[in-house]
Amino acid sequence: MRLSGKKVVMTAAGAGIGRASALAMAREGATVYATDIDQSALDALAQESPNLICSHLDVTDAAGVANLVRSVPTPDVLFNCAGYVHDGTLLEADDEAWDRSLALNVRAMGRMIETFLPAMIANGGGSIINMATVASSIKGVANRCVYSASKGAVLGLTKSVAADFIQDGIRCNAVCPGTVMTPSLRERMSVGGNFEDAYKQMLKRQPTGQMASPEDIAPTVVYLASEDSKVTTGQFIIVDGGWTL
C-alpha cells in the first residue's frame, strides 16, 4: 500500500473532497487523523475504517489548533482541505464576506502549517497539501471574486512554504480542482430554487461533458501524500476536466 505507515493530519474530512480523500488515504494504509467542524459527519466517517481517527476542529480557532498538535503524532502528511466559497462579484462582497473568506481559506491554512511545521522538520520532513482551485490566479471565474482572491493567496502561500523549507525535507503543493459535485456545491446550486438549471449551467463549462466527483480528486491527494511525488514541490496540480484548456 502506497501510504503504509504514514500519519496524516487533515481538515474538512467530513464531506466532499475531504471525505473522499480521507477514505482513499486510509485504504492506502495511512493512519488519518481526520478533523472537521461537523461532529455528526465525523462520527459517520469514523465508522468507515479503523485507520480513521476523528476529532472536532474549528480551523479558525487558534486554541483548538494548538490543542490538536498536542493530541496527535507528528504527521508525515498535512492536508489542508477546509474552505469557504463566497458567491458574488466584488460589488456583492461586504466586509463579512472578505473577513470570513480570508480567515478560513488563508489564515487558518497558514496557522495549520505554522503549527505543525516545526515538528515535521524535526521529524525529517513531509508533505503539505493545500486545497486550492483553478478559480484563482489560474482562471478568472464569474461571481467568485472573494473566493478567487483568497485561493490565489493559497497558491502564493504554497509556493512560499515550498521555497522556504525545501532544504528541510518539506514538500508543499496545491490541488486545484475545477467544478466538483460536492454537498457544498449541491447546496449552492439549490439556493435559487432551480437545481436542474443551475446544474446545466455548471455542466456547460465542463469540456468532458461530465461533472467531477470528490472521488475523482482523491487520487491526486494520495499521489501528493505518497513517495511517488517525492520530487514534486511548489506545484499546482490542476484536476479540472479540461476547464482551463
Protein backbone atom coordinates (compact mmCIF):
# COMPACT_ATOMS: atom_id res chain seq x y z
CA MET A 1 0.00 0.00 0.00
CA ARG A 2 1.34 3.39 -1.04
CA LEU A 3 0.84 5.12 2.32
CA SER A 4 1.56 2.26 4.69
CA GLY A 5 2.99 3.57 7.96
CA LYS A 6 2.30 7.22 7.16
CA LYS A 7 0.45 9.52 9.55
CA VAL A 8 -1.86 12.12 8.02
CA VAL A 9 -3.45 15.12 9.71
CA MET A 10 -6.20 16.73 7.68
CA THR A 11 -9.01 19.28 7.94
CA ALA A 12 -12.54 19.26 6.50
CA ALA A 13 -12.64 15.47 6.37
CA GLY A 14 -16.38 15.19 6.97
CA ALA A 15 -17.71 15.70 3.45
CA GLY A 16 -16.89 16.17 -0.20
CA ILE A 17 -13.27 16.05 -1.35
CA GLY A 18 -12.05 15.84 2.23
CA ARG A 19 -14.11 12.75 3.00
CA ALA A 20 -13.20 11.01 -0.25
CA SER A 21 -9.52 11.78 0.33
CA ALA A 22 -9.57 10.60 3.94
CA LEU A 23 -11.07 7.28 2.86
CA ALA A 24 -8.63 6.93 -0.04
CA MET A 25 -5.59 7.56 2.17
CA ALA A 26 -6.90 5.15 4.81
CA ARG A 27 -7.34 2.47 2.13
CA GLU A 28 -3.72 3.02 1.12
CA GLY A 29 -2.60 2.22 4.64
CA ALA A 30 -2.24 5.64 6.25
CA THR A 31 -3.42 6.44 9.74
CA VAL A 32 -5.57 9.50 9.14
CA TYR A 33 -6.21 11.97 11.94
CA ALA A 34 -9.32 13.48 10.41
CA THR A 35 -10.83 16.72 11.68
CA ASP A 36 -13.93 18.69 10.82
CA ILE A 37 -16.26 21.23 12.41
CA ASP A 38 -19.24 18.91 11.79
CA GLN A 39 -19.20 16.30 14.55
CA SER A 40 -22.01 14.21 13.08
CA ALA A 41 -20.10 13.93 9.79
CA LEU A 42 -17.02 12.84 11.72
CA ASP A 43 -19.00 10.24 13.62
CA ALA A 44 -20.18 8.74 10.33
CA LEU A 45 -16.69 8.86 8.83
CA ALA A 46 -15.13 7.10 11.82
CA GLN A 47 -17.30 4.04 11.10
CA GLU A 48 -15.72 3.59 7.67
CA SER A 49 -12.22 2.46 8.66
CA PRO A 50 -10.14 1.68 11.74
CA ASN A 51 -7.42 3.83 10.14
CA LEU A 52 -9.54 6.95 10.67
CA ILE A 53 -9.14 8.75 13.99
CA CYS A 54 -11.61 11.62 14.08
CA SER A 55 -11.72 14.77 16.20
CA HIS A 56 -13.68 18.01 16.15
CA LEU A 57 -11.83 21.12 14.97
CA ASP A 58 -12.75 24.65 14.01
CA VAL A 59 -9.73 25.67 11.94
CA THR A 60 -10.33 29.36 12.69
CA ASP A 61 -9.90 28.67 16.42
CA ALA A 62 -6.22 29.17 17.24
CA ALA A 63 -6.58 27.48 20.62
CA GLY A 64 -8.23 24.46 19.00
CA VAL A 65 -5.39 24.11 16.50
CA ALA A 66 -2.84 24.40 19.33
CA ASN A 67 -4.66 21.65 21.23
CA LEU A 68 -4.72 19.43 18.14
CA VAL A 69 -0.96 19.50 17.65
CA ARG A 70 -0.54 18.30 21.23
CA SER A 71 -3.00 15.44 20.81
CA VAL A 72 -1.82 13.81 17.56
CA PRO A 73 1.54 12.40 16.44
CA THR A 74 3.79 14.42 14.18
CA PRO A 75 2.33 13.91 10.71
CA ASP A 76 4.14 12.79 7.60
CA VAL A 77 1.37 14.50 5.64
CA LEU A 78 -0.64 17.63 6.43
CA PHE A 79 -3.68 18.11 4.19
CA ASN A 80 -5.41 21.49 4.49
CA CYS A 81 -8.82 20.97 2.92
CA ALA A 82 -11.09 23.38 4.81
CA GLY A 83 -12.52 26.27 2.83
CA TYR A 84 -15.46 28.57 2.13
CA VAL A 85 -16.97 29.65 -1.20
CA HIS A 86 -18.44 33.13 -1.36
CA ASP A 87 -20.76 33.60 -4.33
CA GLY A 88 -20.75 37.02 -5.95
CA THR A 89 -18.85 39.80 -7.69
CA LEU A 90 -16.66 42.37 -5.97
CA LEU A 91 -19.66 44.69 -5.67
CA GLU A 92 -21.59 41.96 -3.85
CA ALA A 93 -18.89 41.27 -1.26
CA ASP A 94 -19.08 43.02 2.10
CA ASP A 95 -16.53 43.09 4.90
CA GLU A 96 -18.02 39.97 6.45
CA ALA A 97 -17.51 38.02 3.21
CA TRP A 98 -13.91 39.19 2.94
CA ASP A 99 -13.15 38.51 6.58
CA ARG A 100 -14.66 35.03 6.59
CA SER A 101 -13.03 34.03 3.31
CA LEU A 102 -9.57 35.19 4.29
CA ALA A 103 -9.86 33.79 7.81
CA LEU A 104 -10.96 30.33 6.67
CA ASN A 105 -9.30 29.96 3.29
CA VAL A 106 -5.95 31.60 4.03
CA ARG A 107 -5.14 32.39 7.66
CA ALA A 108 -6.45 29.09 9.02
CA MET A 109 -4.39 27.22 6.44
CA GLY A 110 -1.31 29.23 7.35
CA ARG A 111 -1.95 28.57 11.02
CA MET A 112 -2.20 24.82 10.49
CA ILE A 113 1.10 24.85 8.60
CA GLU A 114 2.97 27.03 11.09
CA THR A 115 1.67 24.90 13.96
CA PHE A 116 2.73 21.52 12.56
CA LEU A 117 5.76 22.58 10.51
CA PRO A 118 8.44 22.68 13.26
CA ALA A 119 7.73 19.11 14.35
CA MET A 120 7.59 17.92 10.73
CA ILE A 121 11.00 19.48 10.08
CA ALA A 122 12.42 17.90 13.24
CA ASN A 123 10.98 14.59 12.06
CA GLY A 124 12.85 14.78 8.76
CA GLY A 125 10.26 16.48 6.58
CA GLY A 126 6.99 15.56 4.96
CA SER A 127 4.29 16.57 2.51
CA ILE A 128 1.94 19.53 2.91
CA ILE A 129 -1.07 19.54 0.61
CA ASN A 130 -3.22 22.65 0.27
CA MET A 131 -6.68 22.66 -1.27
CA ALA A 132 -6.88 25.41 -3.87
CA THR A 133 -8.88 25.68 -7.11
CA VAL A 134 -8.50 26.84 -10.69
CA ALA A 135 -10.77 29.76 -9.70
CA SER A 136 -7.79 31.82 -8.56
CA SER A 137 -4.81 33.25 -10.37
CA ILE A 138 -5.13 30.26 -12.72
CA LYS A 139 -8.53 31.22 -14.18
CA GLY A 140 -10.96 34.10 -13.81
CA VAL A 141 -14.42 32.82 -12.88
CA ALA A 142 -17.58 34.92 -12.80
CA ASN A 143 -19.21 35.52 -9.40
CA ARG A 144 -16.26 34.16 -7.44
CA CYS A 145 -14.31 37.33 -6.68
CA VAL A 146 -13.54 36.95 -2.97
CA TYR A 147 -13.19 33.19 -3.24
CA SER A 148 -10.75 33.53 -6.14
CA ALA A 149 -8.75 36.21 -4.33
CA SER A 150 -8.42 34.04 -1.24
CA LYS A 151 -7.49 30.95 -3.24
CA GLY A 152 -4.93 32.98 -5.19
CA ALA A 153 -3.39 33.69 -1.79
CA VAL A 154 -3.33 29.94 -1.10
CA LEU A 155 -1.24 29.47 -4.24
CA GLY A 156 1.18 32.14 -3.03
CA LEU A 157 1.33 30.50 0.39
CA THR A 158 2.05 27.15 -1.22
CA LYS A 159 4.94 28.47 -3.29
CA SER A 160 6.42 30.33 -0.32
CA VAL A 161 6.36 27.34 2.02
CA ALA A 162 7.83 25.13 -0.71
CA ALA A 163 10.68 27.58 -1.35
CA ASP A 164 11.43 28.36 2.29
CA PHE A 165 11.58 24.79 3.59
CA ILE A 166 12.76 22.66 0.68
CA GLN A 167 16.12 22.13 2.38
CA ASP A 168 14.28 20.81 5.44
CA GLY A 169 12.66 17.97 3.53
CA ILE A 170 9.28 19.72 3.29
CA ARG A 171 7.25 19.46 0.10
CA CYS A 172 4.25 21.77 -0.34
CA ASN A 173 1.82 21.51 -3.24
CA ALA A 174 -1.71 22.63 -4.05
CA VAL A 175 -4.58 20.66 -5.56
CA CYS A 176 -6.61 22.79 -7.97
CA PRO A 177 -9.94 21.20 -8.91
CA GLY A 178 -12.49 22.66 -11.28
CA THR A 179 -16.18 22.02 -10.71
CA VAL A 180 -16.76 19.11 -8.32
CA MET A 181 -20.16 17.80 -7.28
CA THR A 182 -19.76 18.14 -3.53
CA PRO A 183 -22.51 18.59 -0.93
CA SER A 184 -21.44 22.24 -0.72
CA LEU A 185 -21.93 22.74 -4.47
CA ARG A 186 -25.30 20.99 -4.39
CA GLU A 187 -26.41 23.34 -1.63
CA ARG A 188 -25.27 26.43 -3.54
CA MET A 189 -26.97 25.27 -6.73
CA SER A 190 -30.22 24.73 -4.83
CA VAL A 191 -30.34 28.24 -3.38
CA GLY A 192 -32.06 29.77 -6.41
CA GLY A 193 -34.80 27.17 -6.32
CA ASN A 194 -33.98 25.56 -9.67
CA PHE A 195 -31.29 22.96 -9.17
CA GLU A 196 -31.61 21.45 -12.66
CA ASP A 197 -31.00 24.76 -14.42
CA ALA A 198 -28.05 25.51 -12.16
CA TYR A 199 -26.62 22.06 -12.82
CA LYS A 200 -26.91 22.52 -16.60
CA GLN A 201 -25.07 25.84 -16.38
CA MET A 202 -22.27 24.24 -14.37
CA LEU A 203 -22.06 21.33 -16.79
CA LYS A 204 -21.63 23.69 -19.76
CA ARG A 205 -18.18 24.65 -18.53
CA GLN A 206 -17.01 21.02 -18.46
CA PRO A 207 -15.43 20.12 -21.85
CA THR A 208 -15.71 16.43 -20.99
CA GLY A 209 -19.47 16.78 -20.57
CA GLN A 210 -19.17 15.19 -17.14
CA MET A 211 -19.17 16.63 -13.65
CA ALA A 212 -16.29 15.58 -11.44
CA SER A 213 -16.94 13.78 -8.17
CA PRO A 214 -14.91 14.02 -4.94
CA GLU A 215 -13.62 10.53 -5.68
CA ASP A 216 -12.10 11.87 -8.91
CA ILE A 217 -9.94 14.31 -6.92
CA ALA A 218 -8.85 11.96 -4.12
CA PRO A 219 -6.21 10.08 -6.20
CA THR A 220 -4.30 13.33 -6.68
CA VAL A 221 -4.24 13.83 -2.92
CA VAL A 222 -2.97 10.26 -2.45
CA TYR A 223 -0.25 10.90 -5.03
CA LEU A 224 0.95 14.04 -3.25
CA ALA A 225 0.86 12.25 0.10
CA SER A 226 2.93 9.35 -1.22
CA GLU A 227 6.59 8.91 -2.08
CA ASP A 228 5.55 8.82 -5.74
CA SER A 229 5.66 12.64 -5.59
CA LYS A 230 8.93 12.89 -3.64
CA VAL A 231 10.44 15.28 -6.20
CA THR A 232 7.27 17.35 -6.61
CA THR A 233 7.05 20.60 -4.67
CA GLY A 234 5.69 24.09 -5.16
CA GLN A 235 3.32 22.84 -7.85
CA PHE A 236 -0.34 23.49 -8.61
CA ILE A 237 -1.87 20.18 -9.68
CA ILE A 238 -4.86 21.00 -11.90
CA VAL A 239 -7.64 18.41 -12.00
CA ASP A 240 -10.45 20.28 -13.74
CA GLY A 241 -11.75 18.09 -16.55
CA GLY A 242 -10.21 20.39 -19.14
CA TRP A 243 -11.96 23.57 -17.97
CA THR A 244 -8.74 25.60 -18.27
CA LEU A 245 -7.78 24.27 -21.71
